[in-house]
Amino acid sequence: MSTENEQFNSESSKTENGFEWVPSPNGLFEMYCNYTQTSWTLYDIRVSLGQIKPLRTESRKFVAEERAAITISWPQAKQLMISLAQLVHSYEQTNGEIKPLRLTPDPTTSSTGSIEP
């Protein structure tokens, strides 16, 4: 039995505009992203995708490591905005409002030096 991801990537289907959506013969690049940065021109929008990672040398310092970037036209950006808004709305209807995340305190730097349950 194939996974949902394999089914999506291996089957062709029609898009809402009637285009056939076919898998790339070279496979699909997938990555995790938890940080974005945008820039734009008159013609398109570039979205840099990154991952926030802790620096190994300092426990409370982080960097955004750039992983990939996509460039899309303004009309496609608007369509993406609409699709994402619909997905977020549906998610929040099911799971409640998405709230900003907060980083927990570092238990290894407590004044007592011990980790309490």
PDB file of N, CA and C in Angstrom:
ATOM      1  N   MET A   1       0.848  -1.185   0.000  1.00  0.00           N
ATOM      2  CA  MET A   1       0.000   0.000   0.000  1.00  0.00           C
ATOM      3  C   MET A   1       0.889   1.241   0.000  1.00  0.00           C
ATOM      4  N   SER A   2       0.660   2.164  -0.899  1.00  0.00           N
ATOM      5  CA  SER A   2       1.491   3.361  -0.973  1.00  0.00           C
ATOM      6  C   SER A   2       0.988   4.431  -0.020  1.00  0.00           C
ATOM      7  N   THR A   3       1.901   5.308   0.356  1.00  0.00           N
ATOM      8  CA  THR A   3       1.518   6.394   1.244  1.00  0.00           C
ATOM      9  C   THR A   3       0.772   7.459   0.461  1.00  0.00           C
ATOM     10  N   GLU A   4       0.129   8.372   1.204  1.00  0.00           N
ATOM     11  CA  GLU A   4      -0.607   9.470   0.567  1.00  0.00           C
ATOM     12  C   GLU A   4       0.314  10.309  -0.296  1.00  0.00           C
ATOM     13  N   ASN A   5       1.541  10.568   0.192  1.00  0.00           N
ATOM     14  CA  ASN A   5       2.507  11.372  -0.547  1.00  0.00           C
ATOM     15  C   ASN A   5       2.902  10.681  -1.845  1.00  0.00           C
ATOM     16  N   GLU A   6       3.143   9.367  -1.783  1.00  0.00           N
ATOM     17  CA  GLU A   6       3.493   8.626  -2.986  1.00  0.00           C
ATOM     18  C   GLU A   6       2.346   8.647  -3.988  1.00  0.00           C
ATOM     19  N   GLN A   7       1.119   8.508  -3.512  1.00  0.00           N
ATOM     20  CA  GLN A   7      -0.028   8.541  -4.408  1.00  0.00           C
ATOM     21  C   GLN A   7      -0.133   9.891  -5.091  1.00  0.00           C
ATOM     22  N   PHE A   8       0.041  10.982  -4.322  1.00  0.00           N
ATOM     23  CA  PHE A   8      -0.066  12.320  -4.892  1.00  0.00           C
ATOM     24  C   PHE A   8       1.020  12.542  -5.930  1.00  0.00           C
ATOM     25  N   ASN A   9       2.236  12.086  -5.637  1.00  0.00           N
ATOM     26  CA  ASN A   9       3.359  12.337  -6.523  1.00  0.00           C
ATOM     27  C   ASN A   9       3.397  11.414  -7.733  1.00  0.00           C
ATOM     28  N   SER A  10       2.731  10.268  -7.669  1.00  0.00           N
ATOM     29  CA  SER A  10       2.854   9.314  -8.755  1.00  0.00           C
ATOM     30  C   SER A  10       1.659   9.317  -9.710  1.00  0.00           C
ATOM     31  N   GLU A  11       0.585   9.946  -9.340  1.00  0.00           N
ATOM     32  CA  GLU A  11      -0.598   9.938 -10.189  1.00  0.00           C
ATOM     33  C   GLU A  11      -0.780  11.284 -10.872  1.00  0.00           C
ATOM     34  N   SER A  12      -1.152  11.249 -12.145  1.00  0.00           N
ATOM     35  CA  SER A  12      -1.481  12.497 -12.814  1.00  0.00           C
ATOM     36  C   SER A  12      -2.941  12.822 -12.537  1.00  0.00           C
ATOM     37  N   SER A  13      -3.250  14.113 -12.556  1.00  0.00           N
ATOM     38  CA  SER A  13      -4.622  14.535 -12.321  1.00  0.00           C
ATOM     39  C   SER A  13      -4.845  15.857 -13.026  1.00  0.00           C
ATOM     40  N   LYS A  14      -6.092  16.263 -13.123  1.00  0.00           N
ATOM     41  CA  LYS A  14      -6.435  17.536 -13.744  1.00  0.00           C
ATOM     42  C   LYS A  14      -6.475  18.626 -12.688  1.00  0.00           C
ATOM     43  N   THR A  15      -5.946  19.802 -13.031  1.00  0.00           N
ATOM     44  CA  THR A  15      -6.036  20.945 -12.129  1.00  0.00           C
ATOM     45  C   THR A  15      -7.354  21.648 -12.380  1.00  0.00           C
ATOM     46  N   GLU A  16      -7.662  22.635 -11.537  1.00  0.00           N
ATOM     47  CA  GLU A  16      -8.926  23.364 -11.717  1.00  0.00           C
ATOM     48  C   GLU A  16      -8.970  24.127 -13.043  1.00  0.00           C
ATOM     49  N   ASN A  17      -7.801  24.412 -13.627  1.00  0.00           N
ATOM     50  CA  ASN A  17      -7.755  25.103 -14.917  1.00  0.00           C
ATOM     51  C   ASN A  17      -7.718  24.133 -16.092  1.00  0.00           C
ATOM     52  N   GLY A  18      -7.787  22.832 -15.803  1.00  0.00           N
ATOM     53  CA  GLY A  18      -7.826  21.833 -16.864  1.00  0.00           C
ATOM     54  C   GLY A  18      -6.463  21.314 -17.293  1.00  0.00           C
ATOM     55  N   PHE A  19      -5.386  21.805 -16.689  1.00  0.00           N
ATOM     56  CA  PHE A  19      -4.059  21.290 -17.020  1.00  0.00           C
ATOM     57  C   PHE A  19      -3.874  19.925 -16.393  1.00  0.00           C
ATOM     58  N   GLU A  20      -3.141  19.054 -17.080  1.00  0.00           N
ATOM     59  CA  GLU A  20      -2.821  17.768 -16.483  1.00  0.00           C
ATOM     60  C   GLU A  20      -1.617  17.952 -15.564  1.00  0.00           C
ATOM     61  N   TRP A  21      -1.728  17.519 -14.319  1.00  0.00           N
ATOM     62  CA  TRP A  21      -0.650  17.614 -13.335  1.00  0.00           C
ATOM     63  C   TRP A  21       0.088  16.287 -13.371  1.00  0.00           C
ATOM     64  N   VAL A  22       1.328  16.288 -13.828  1.00  0.00           N
ATOM     65  CA  VAL A  22       2.087  15.048 -13.967  1.00  0.00           C
ATOM     66  C   VAL A  22       3.343  15.096 -13.105  1.00  0.00           C
ATOM     67  N   PRO A  23       3.777  13.944 -12.611  1.00  0.00           N
ATOM     68  CA  PRO A  23       4.996  13.920 -11.805  1.00  0.00           C
ATOM     69  C   PRO A  23       6.227  14.186 -12.662  1.00  0.00           C
ATOM     70  N   SER A  24       7.231  14.808 -12.058  1.00  0.00           N
ATOM     71  CA  SER A  24       8.499  15.054 -12.737  1.00  0.00           C
ATOM     72  C   SER A  24       9.240  13.743 -12.930  1.00  0.00           C
ATOM     73  N   PRO A  25       9.850  13.533 -14.086  1.00  0.00           N
ATOM     74  CA  PRO A  25      10.621  12.299 -14.273  1.00  0.00           C
ATOM     75  C   PRO A  25      11.882  12.283 -13.402  1.00  0.00           C
ATOM     76  N   ASN A  26      12.281  13.444 -12.875  1.00  0.00           N
ATOM     77  CA  ASN A  26      13.474  13.538 -12.024  1.00  0.00           C
ATOM     78  C   ASN A  26      13.150  13.413 -10.542  1.00  0.00           C
ATOM     79  N   GLY A  27      11.891  13.194 -10.207  1.00  0.00           N
ATOM     80  CA  GLY A  27      11.499  13.116  -8.810  1.00  0.00           C
ATOM     81  C   GLY A  27      11.157  14.499  -8.273  1.00  0.00           C
ATOM     82  N   LEU A  28      10.759  14.548  -7.027  1.00  0.00           N
ATOM     83  CA  LEU A  28      10.297  15.780  -6.409  1.00  0.00           C
ATOM     84  C   LEU A  28      11.219  16.156  -5.262  1.00  0.00           C
ATOM     85  N   PHE A  29      11.700  17.392  -5.263  1.00  0.00           N
ATOM     86  CA  PHE A  29      12.516  17.907  -4.165  1.00  0.00           C
ATOM     87  C   PHE A  29      11.591  18.327  -3.039  1.00  0.00           C
ATOM     88  N   GLU A  30      11.815  17.791  -1.850  1.00  0.00           N
ATOM     89  CA  GLU A  30      11.018  18.170  -0.694  1.00  0.00           C
ATOM     90  C   GLU A  30      11.955  18.626   0.409  1.00  0.00           C
ATOM     91  N   MET A  31      11.490  19.595   1.194  1.00  0.00           N
ATOM     92  CA  MET A  31      12.290  20.107   2.300  1.00  0.00           C
ATOM     93  C   MET A  31      11.376  20.656   3.371  1.00  0.00           C
ATOM     94  N   TYR A  32      11.913  20.859   4.554  1.00  0.00           N
ATOM     95  CA  TYR A  32      11.180  21.456   5.663  1.00  0.00           C
ATOM     96  C   TYR A  32      11.529  22.938   5.725  1.00  0.00           C
ATOM     97  N   CYS A  33      10.526  23.766   6.032  1.00  0.00           N
ATOM     98  CA  CYS A  33      10.728  25.205   6.137  1.00  0.00           C
ATOM     99  C   CYS A  33       9.956  25.727   7.337  1.00  0.00           C
ATOM    100  N   ASN A  34      10.623  26.550   8.164  1.00  0.00           N
ATOM    101  CA  ASN A  34       9.916  27.199   9.261  1.00  0.00           C
ATOM    102  C   ASN A  34      10.217  28.703   9.301  1.00  0.00           C
ATOM    103  N   TYR A  35      10.773  29.214   8.187  1.00  0.00           N
ATOM    104  CA  TYR A  35      11.081  30.640   8.098  1.00  0.00           C
ATOM    105  C   TYR A  35      11.070  31.046   6.625  1.00  0.00           C
ATOM    106  N   THR A  36      10.454  32.174   6.334  1.00  0.00           N
ATOM    107  CA  THR A  36      10.436  32.679   4.956  1.00  0.00           C
ATOM    108  C   THR A  36      10.878  34.137   4.923  1.00  0.00           C
ATOM    109  N   GLN A  37      11.413  34.529   3.789  1.00  0.00           N
ATOM    110  CA  GLN A  37      11.793  35.914   3.551  1.00  0.00           C
ATOM    111  C   GLN A  37      11.392  36.228   2.109  1.00  0.00           C
ATOM    112  N   THR A  38      10.777  37.375   1.891  1.00  0.00           N
ATOM    113  CA  THR A  38      10.288  37.696   0.548  1.00  0.00           C
ATOM    114  C   THR A  38      10.978  38.924  -0.034  1.00  0.00           C
ATOM    115  N   SER A  39      11.053  38.931  -1.345  1.00  0.00           N
ATOM    116  CA  SER A  39      11.490  40.097  -2.110  1.00  0.00           C
ATOM    117  C   SER A  39      10.687  40.080  -3.410  1.00  0.00           C
ATOM    118  N   TRP A  40      10.654  41.203  -4.136  1.00  0.00           N
ATOM    119  CA  TRP A  40       9.801  41.274  -5.317  1.00  0.00           C
ATOM    120  C   TRP A  40      10.340  42.256  -6.342  1.00  0.00           C
ATOM    121  N   THR A  41       9.816  42.076  -7.547  1.00  0.00           N
ATOM    122  CA  THR A  41      10.068  42.991  -8.653  1.00  0.00           C
ATOM    123  C   THR A  41       8.715  43.354  -9.249  1.00  0.00           C
ATOM    124  N   LEU A  42       8.731  44.127 -10.284  1.00  0.00           N
ATOM    125  CA  LEU A  42       7.507  44.476 -10.993  1.00  0.00           C
ATOM    126  C   LEU A  42       6.821  43.224 -11.551  1.00  0.00           C
ATOM    127  N   TYR A  43       7.593  42.185 -11.841  1.00  0.00           N
ATOM    128  CA  TYR A  43       7.078  41.017 -12.547  1.00  0.00           C
ATOM    129  C   TYR A  43       6.792  39.800 -11.671  1.00  0.00           C
ATOM    130  N   ASP A  44       7.484  39.682 -10.540  1.00  0.00           N
ATOM    131  CA  ASP A  44       7.336  38.453  -9.767  1.00  0.00           C
ATOM    132  C   ASP A  44       7.736  38.631  -8.306  1.00  0.00           C
ATOM    133  N   ILE A  45       7.531  37.564  -7.546  1.00  0.00           N
ATOM    134  CA  ILE A  45       7.850  37.519  -6.131  1.00  0.00           C
ATOM    135  C   ILE A  45       8.804  36.350  -5.896  1.00  0.00           C
ATOM    136  N   ARG A  46       9.830  36.605  -5.099  1.00  0.00           N
ATOM    137  CA  ARG A  46      10.766  35.552  -4.710  1.00  0.00           C
ATOM    138  C   ARG A  46      10.563  35.270  -3.227  1.00  0.00           C
ATOM    139  N   VAL A  47      10.391  33.999  -2.895  1.00  0.00           N
ATOM    140  CA  VAL A  47      10.243  33.580  -1.510  1.00  0.00           C
ATOM    141  C   VAL A  47      11.429  32.681  -1.184  1.00  0.00           C
ATOM    142  N   SER A  48      12.274  33.158  -0.280  1.00  0.00           N
ATOM    143  CA  SER A  48      13.386  32.342   0.207  1.00  0.00           C
ATOM    144  C   SER A  48      12.873  31.510   1.367  1.00  0.00           C
ATOM    145  N   LEU A  49      13.205  30.235   1.356  1.00  0.00           N
ATOM    146  CA  LEU A  49      12.728  29.295   2.364  1.00  0.00           C
ATOM    147  C   LEU A  49      13.903  28.867   3.235  1.00  0.00           C
ATOM    148  N   GLY A  50      13.708  28.915   4.532  1.00  0.00           N
ATOM    149  CA  GLY A  50      14.796  28.564   5.428  1.00  0.00           C
ATOM    150  C   GLY A  50      14.325  27.770   6.619  1.00  0.00           C
ATOM    151  N   GLN A  51      15.303  27.379   7.414  1.00  0.00           N
ATOM    152  CA  GLN A  51      15.033  26.649   8.638  1.00  0.00           C
ATOM    153  C   GLN A  51      15.792  27.321   9.768  1.00  0.00           C
ATOM    154  N   ILE A  52      15.075  27.683  10.832  1.00  0.00           N
ATOM    155  CA  ILE A  52      15.711  28.270  11.996  1.00  0.00           C
ATOM    156  C   ILE A  52      16.382  27.151  12.776  1.00  0.00           C
ATOM    157  N   LYS A  53      17.686  27.352  13.048  1.00  0.00           N
ATOM    158  CA  LYS A  53      18.466  26.339  13.736  1.00  0.00           C
ATOM    159  C   LYS A  53      19.293  27.003  14.830  1.00  0.00           C
ATOM    160  N   PRO A  54      19.511  26.303  15.926  1.00  0.00           N
ATOM    161  CA  PRO A  54      20.354  26.868  16.983  1.00  0.00           C
ATOM    162  C   PRO A  54      21.826  26.828  16.574  1.00  0.00           C
ATOM    163  N   LEU A  55      22.559  27.845  17.004  1.00  0.00           N
ATOM    164  CA  LEU A  55      24.010  27.804  16.825  1.00  0.00           C
ATOM    165  C   LEU A  55      24.578  26.803  17.818  1.00  0.00           C
ATOM    166  N   ARG A  56      25.529  26.045  17.413  1.00  0.00           N
ATOM    167  CA  ARG A  56      26.106  25.033  18.304  1.00  0.00           C
ATOM    168  C   ARG A  56      26.887  25.663  19.453  1.00  0.00           C
ATOM    169  N   THR A  57      27.403  26.853  19.223  1.00  0.00           N
ATOM    170  CA  THR A  57      28.275  27.469  20.222  1.00  0.00           C
ATOM    171  C   THR A  57      27.525  28.224  21.314  1.00  0.00           C
ATOM    172  N   GLU A  58      26.288  28.652  21.027  1.00  0.00           N
ATOM    173  CA  GLU A  58      25.524  29.430  22.006  1.00  0.00           C
ATOM    174  C   GLU A  58      24.115  28.865  22.104  1.00  0.00           C
ATOM    175  N   SER A  59      23.685  28.553  23.333  1.00  0.00           N
ATOM    176  CA  SER A  59      22.434  27.825  23.523  1.00  0.00           C
ATOM    177  C   SER A  59      21.194  28.620  23.126  1.00  0.00           C
ATOM    178  N   ARG A  60      21.206  29.942  23.218  1.00  0.00           N
ATOM    179  CA  ARG A  60      19.999  30.725  22.940  1.00  0.00           C
ATOM    180  C   ARG A  60      20.118  31.568  21.674  1.00  0.00           C
ATOM    181  N   LYS A  61      21.093  31.286  20.822  1.00  0.00           N
ATOM    182  CA  LYS A  61      21.259  32.020  19.567  1.00  0.00           C
ATOM    183  C   LYS A  61      20.832  31.124  18.414  1.00  0.00           C
ATOM    184  N   PHE A  62      20.118  31.727  17.460  1.00  0.00           N
ATOM    185  CA  PHE A  62      19.610  30.966  16.327  1.00  0.00           C
ATOM    186  C   PHE A  62      19.978  31.667  15.020  1.00  0.00           C
ATOM    187  N   VAL A  63      20.013  30.914  13.949  1.00  0.00           N
ATOM    188  CA  VAL A  63      20.206  31.450  12.608  1.00  0.00           C
ATOM    189  C   VAL A  63      19.118  30.888  11.711  1.00  0.00           C
ATOM    190  N   ALA A  64      18.803  31.617  10.657  1.00  0.00           N
ATOM    191  CA  ALA A  64      17.887  31.112   9.633  1.00  0.00           C
ATOM    192  C   ALA A  64      18.752  30.632   8.477  1.00  0.00           C
ATOM    193  N   GLU A  65      18.816  29.331   8.310  1.00  0.00           N
ATOM    194  CA  GLU A  65      19.631  28.738   7.255  1.00  0.00           C
ATOM    195  C   GLU A  65      18.818  28.651   5.968  1.00  0.00           C
ATOM    196  N   GLU A  66      19.254  29.358   4.924  1.00  0.00           N
ATOM    197  CA  GLU A  66      18.531  29.342   3.653  1.00  0.00           C
ATOM    198  C   GLU A  66      18.640  27.961   3.026  1.00  0.00           C
ATOM    199  N   ARG A  67      17.495  27.406   2.612  1.00  0.00           N
ATOM    200  CA  ARG A  67      17.454  26.063   2.050  1.00  0.00           C
ATOM    201  C   ARG A  67      17.079  26.044   0.571  1.00  0.00           C
ATOM    202  N   ALA A  68      16.195  26.956   0.165  1.00  0.00           N
ATOM    203  CA  ALA A  68      15.721  26.981  -1.225  1.00  0.00           C
ATOM    204  C   ALA A  68      15.013  28.306  -1.461  1.00  0.00           C
ATOM    205  N   ALA A  69      14.667  28.571  -2.704  1.00  0.00           N
ATOM    206  CA  ALA A  69      13.887  29.758  -3.037  1.00  0.00           C
ATOM    207  C   ALA A  69      13.002  29.435  -4.231  1.00  0.00           C
ATOM    208  N   ILE A  70      11.842  30.072  -4.255  1.00  0.00           N
ATOM    209  CA  ILE A  70      10.962  29.953  -5.418  1.00  0.00           C
ATOM    210  C   ILE A  70      10.641  31.363  -5.909  1.00  0.00           C
ATOM    211  N   THR A  71      10.447  31.495  -7.194  1.00  0.00           N
ATOM    212  CA  THR A  71      10.037  32.758  -7.787  1.00  0.00           C
ATOM    213  C   THR A  71       8.761  32.496  -8.566  1.00  0.00           C
ATOM    214  N   ILE A  72       7.713  33.289  -8.253  1.00  0.00           N
ATOM    215  CA  ILE A  72       6.422  33.107  -8.906  1.00  0.00           C
ATOM    216  C   ILE A  72       5.895  34.453  -9.386  1.00  0.00           C
ATOM    217  N   SER A  73       5.028  34.400 -10.386  1.00  0.00           N
ATOM    218  CA  SER A  73       4.422  35.618 -10.925  1.00  0.00           C
ATOM    219  C   SER A  73       3.412  36.180  -9.924  1.00  0.00           C
ATOM    220  N   TRP A  74       3.095  37.473 -10.069  1.00  0.00           N
ATOM    221  CA  TRP A  74       2.103  38.101  -9.192  1.00  0.00           C
ATOM    222  C   TRP A  74       0.742  37.401  -9.249  1.00  0.00           C
ATOM    223  N   PRO A  75       0.220  37.059 -10.441  1.00  0.00           N
ATOM    224  CA  PRO A  75      -1.074  36.356 -10.465  1.00  0.00           C
ATOM    225  C   PRO A  75      -1.020  35.002  -9.742  1.00  0.00           C
ATOM    226  N   GLN A  76       0.091  34.285  -9.896  1.00  0.00           N
ATOM    227  CA  GLN A  76       0.210  32.999  -9.203  1.00  0.00           C
ATOM    228  C   GLN A  76       0.347  33.210  -7.701  1.00  0.00           C
ATOM    229  N   ALA A  77       1.008  34.286  -7.286  1.00  0.00           N
ATOM    230  CA  ALA A  77       1.130  34.611  -5.859  1.00  0.00           C
ATOM    231  C   ALA A  77      -0.253  34.860  -5.254  1.00  0.00           C
ATOM    232  N   LYS A  78      -1.113  35.546  -6.003  1.00  0.00           N
ATOM    233  CA  LYS A  78      -2.458  35.807  -5.489  1.00  0.00           C
ATOM    234  C   LYS A  78      -3.234  34.501  -5.337  1.00  0.00           C
ATOM    235  N   GLN A  79      -3.107  33.612  -6.311  1.00  0.00           N
ATOM    236  CA  GLN A  79      -3.786  32.321  -6.224  1.00  0.00           C
ATOM    237  C   GLN A  79      -3.266  31.521  -5.041  1.00  0.00           C
ATOM    238  N   LEU A  80      -1.963  31.562  -4.810  1.00  0.00           N
ATOM    239  CA  LEU A  80      -1.373  30.875  -3.667  1.00  0.00           C
ATOM    240  C   LEU A  80      -1.890  31.468  -2.354  1.00  0.00           C
ATOM    241  N   MET A  81      -2.000  32.806  -2.294  1.00  0.00           N
ATOM    242  CA  MET A  81      -2.526  33.476  -1.110  1.00  0.00           C
ATOM    243  C   MET A  81      -3.950  32.993  -0.802  1.00  0.00           C
ATOM    244  N   ILE A  82      -4.772  32.896  -1.816  1.00  0.00           N
ATOM    245  CA  ILE A  82      -6.155  32.443  -1.639  1.00  0.00           C
ATOM    246  C   ILE A  82      -6.179  30.996  -1.151  1.00  0.00           C
ATOM    247  N   SER A  83      -5.367  30.145  -1.767  1.00  0.00           N
ATOM    248  CA  SER A  83      -5.321  28.734  -1.366  1.00  0.00           C
ATOM    249  C   SER A  83      -4.846  28.582   0.068  1.00  0.00           C
ATOM    250  N   LEU A  84      -3.799  29.315   0.448  1.00  0.00           N
ATOM    251  CA  LEU A  84      -3.292  29.230   1.816  1.00  0.00           C
ATOM    252  C   LEU A  84      -4.308  29.761   2.821  1.00  0.00           C
ATOM    253  N   ALA A  85      -4.992  30.848   2.478  1.00  0.00           N
ATOM    254  CA  ALA A  85      -6.016  31.406   3.377  1.00  0.00           C
ATOM    255  C   ALA A  85      -7.134  30.385   3.606  1.00  0.00           C
ATOM    256  N   GLN A  86      -7.551  29.690   2.549  1.00  0.00           N
ATOM    257  CA  GLN A  86      -8.588  28.669   2.685  1.00  0.00           C
ATOM    258  C   GLN A  86      -8.113  27.510   3.556  1.00  0.00           C
ATOM    259  N   LEU A  87      -6.867  27.087   3.368  1.00  0.00           N
ATOM    260  CA  LEU A  87      -6.321  25.994   4.173  1.00  0.00           C
ATOM    261  C   LEU A  87      -6.207  26.377   5.643  1.00  0.00           C
ATOM    262  N   VAL A  88      -5.700  27.582   5.922  1.00  0.00           N
ATOM    263  CA  VAL A  88      -5.556  28.038   7.306  1.00  0.00           C
ATOM    264  C   VAL A  88      -6.928  28.162   7.961  1.00  0.00           C
ATOM    265  N   HIS A  89      -7.889  28.720   7.247  1.00  0.00           N
ATOM    266  CA  HIS A  89      -9.240  28.844   7.787  1.00  0.00           C
ATOM    267  C   HIS A  89      -9.809  27.472   8.144  1.00  0.00           C
ATOM    268  N   SER A  90      -9.659  26.518   7.251  1.00  0.00           N
ATOM    269  CA  SER A  90     -10.170  25.167   7.487  1.00  0.00           C
ATOM    270  C   SER A  90      -9.465  24.522   8.684  1.00  0.00           C
ATOM    271  N   TYR A  91      -8.145  24.688   8.762  1.00  0.00           N
ATOM    272  CA  TYR A  91      -7.381  24.138   9.879  1.00  0.00           C
ATOM    273  C   TYR A  91      -7.858  24.724  11.198  1.00  0.00           C
ATOM    274  N   GLU A  92      -8.051  26.057  11.236  1.00  0.00           N
ATOM    275  CA  GLU A  92      -8.476  26.716  12.470  1.00  0.00           C
ATOM    276  C   GLU A  92      -9.909  26.347  12.845  1.00  0.00           C
ATOM    277  N   GLN A  93     -10.758  26.083  11.880  1.00  0.00           N
ATOM    278  CA  GLN A  93     -12.112  25.634  12.180  1.00  0.00           C
ATOM    279  C   GLN A  93     -12.082  24.290  12.901  1.00  0.00           C
ATOM    280  N   THR A  94     -11.133  23.454  12.532  1.00  0.00           N
ATOM    281  CA  THR A  94     -11.015  22.122  13.126  1.00  0.00           C
ATOM    282  C   THR A  94     -10.222  22.137  14.428  1.00  0.00           C
ATOM    283  N   ASN A  95      -9.129  22.899  14.474  1.00  0.00           N
ATOM    284  CA  ASN A  95      -8.176  22.812  15.577  1.00  0.00           C
ATOM    285  C   ASN A  95      -8.079  24.048  16.462  1.00  0.00           C
ATOM    286  N   GLY A  96      -8.803  25.098  16.134  1.00  0.00           N
ATOM    287  CA  GLY A  96      -8.697  26.337  16.899  1.00  0.00           C
ATOM    288  C   GLY A  96      -7.663  27.280  16.294  1.00  0.00           C
ATOM    289  N   GLU A  97      -7.658  28.483  16.813  1.00  0.00           N
ATOM    290  CA  GLU A  97      -6.790  29.531  16.277  1.00  0.00           C
ATOM    291  C   GLU A  97      -5.312  29.153  16.391  1.00  0.00           C
ATOM    292  N   ILE A  98      -4.574  29.400  15.326  1.00  0.00           N
ATOM    293  CA  ILE A  98      -3.125  29.224  15.337  1.00  0.00           C
ATOM    294  C   ILE A  98      -2.538  30.454  16.020  1.00  0.00           C
ATOM    295  N   LYS A  99      -1.789  30.222  17.078  1.00  0.00           N
ATOM    296  CA  LYS A  99      -1.202  31.327  17.834  1.00  0.00           C
ATOM    297  C   LYS A  99       0.309  31.328  17.634  1.00  0.00           C
ATOM    298  N   PRO A 100       0.933  32.510  17.782  1.00  0.00           N
ATOM    299  CA  PRO A 100       2.404  32.560  17.668  1.00  0.00           C
ATOM    300  C   PRO A 100       3.052  31.633  18.698  1.00  0.00           C
ATOM    301  N   LEU A 101       4.121  30.987  18.295  1.00  0.00           N
ATOM    302  CA  LEU A 101       4.831  30.078  19.189  1.00  0.00           C
ATOM    303  C   LEU A 101       5.783  30.861  20.089  1.00  0.00           C
ATOM    304  N   ARG A 102       6.018  30.325  21.264  1.00  0.00           N
ATOM    305  CA  ARG A 102       6.976  30.923  22.195  1.00  0.00           C
ATOM    306  C   ARG A 102       7.985  29.858  22.599  1.00  0.00           C
ATOM    307  N   LEU A 103       9.231  30.225  22.623  1.00  0.00           N
ATOM    308  CA  LEU A 103      10.294  29.305  23.012  1.00  0.00           C
ATOM    309  C   LEU A 103      10.306  29.143  24.527  1.00  0.00           C
ATOM    310  N   THR A 104      10.381  27.917  24.992  1.00  0.00           N
ATOM    311  CA  THR A 104      10.417  27.657  26.432  1.00  0.00           C
ATOM    312  C   THR A 104      11.774  28.054  27.004  1.00  0.00           C
ATOM    313  N   PRO A 105      11.829  28.334  28.315  1.00  0.00           N
ATOM    314  CA  PRO A 105      13.111  28.651  28.941  1.00  0.00           C
ATOM    315  C   PRO A 105      14.058  27.452  28.857  1.00  0.00           C
ATOM    316  N   ASP A 106      15.339  27.730  28.851  1.00  0.00           N
ATOM    317  CA  ASP A 106      16.364  26.689  28.801  1.00  0.00           C
ATOM    318  C   ASP A 106      16.541  26.106  30.193  1.00  0.00           C
ATOM    319  N   PRO A 107      16.144  24.841  30.425  1.00  0.00           N
ATOM    320  CA  PRO A 107      16.230  24.271  31.767  1.00  0.00           C
ATOM    321  C   PRO A 107      17.669  24.042  32.228  1.00  0.00           C
ATOM    322  N   THR A 108      18.610  24.029  31.302  1.00  0.00           N
ATOM    323  CA  THR A 108      20.004  23.778  31.682  1.00  0.00           C
ATOM    324  C   THR A 108      20.675  25.015  32.276  1.00  0.00           C
ATOM    325  N   THR A 109      20.003  26.164  32.215  1.00  0.00           N
ATOM    326  CA  THR A 109      20.590  27.391  32.766  1.00  0.00           C
ATOM    327  C   THR A 109      19.843  27.884  33.997  1.00  0.00           C
ATOM    328  N   SER A 110      19.082  26.997  34.645  1.00  0.00           N
ATOM    329  CA  SER A 110      18.337  27.405  35.837  1.00  0.00           C
ATOM    330  C   SER A 110      19.322  27.723  36.951  1.00  0.00           C
ATOM    331  N   SER A 111      18.877  28.533  37.907  1.00  0.00           N
ATOM    332  CA  SER A 111      19.761  28.970  39.003  1.00  0.00           C
ATOM    333  C   SER A 111      20.168  27.805  39.914  1.00  0.00           C
ATOM    334  N   THR A 112      19.342  26.760  39.986  1.00  0.00           N
ATOM    335  CA  THR A 112      19.666  25.642  40.874  1.00  0.00           C
ATOM    336  C   THR A 112      20.550  24.611  40.174  1.00  0.00           C
ATOM    337  N   GLY A 113      20.572  24.668  38.856  1.00  0.00           N
ATOM    338  CA  GLY A 113      21.386  23.716  38.112  1.00  0.00           C
ATOM    339  C   GLY A 113      20.739  22.360  37.929  1.00  0.00           C
ATOM    340  N   SER A 114      19.536  22.197  38.475  1.00  0.00           N
ATOM    341  CA  SER A 114      18.845  20.909  38.333  1.00  0.00           C
ATOM    342  C   SER A 114      17.604  21.083  37.476  1.00  0.00           C
ATOM    343  N   ILE A 115      17.212  19.998  36.850  1.00  0.00           N
ATOM    344  CA  ILE A 115      16.016  19.991  36.023  1.00  0.00           C
ATOM    345  C   ILE A 115      14.878  19.422  36.857  1.00  0.00           C
ATOM    346  N   GLU A 116      13.860  20.219  37.037  1.00  0.00           N
ATOM    347  CA  GLU A 116      12.722  19.762  37.831  1.00  0.00           C
ATOM    348  C   GLU A 116      11.618  19.261  36.913  1.00  0.00           C
ATOM    349  N   PRO A 117      10.939  18.181  37.315  1.00  0.00           N
ATOM    350  CA  PRO A 117       9.861  17.622  36.476  1.00  0.00           C
ATOM    351  C   PRO A 117       8.667  18.540  36.405  1.00  0.00           C
TER     352      PRO A 117
END
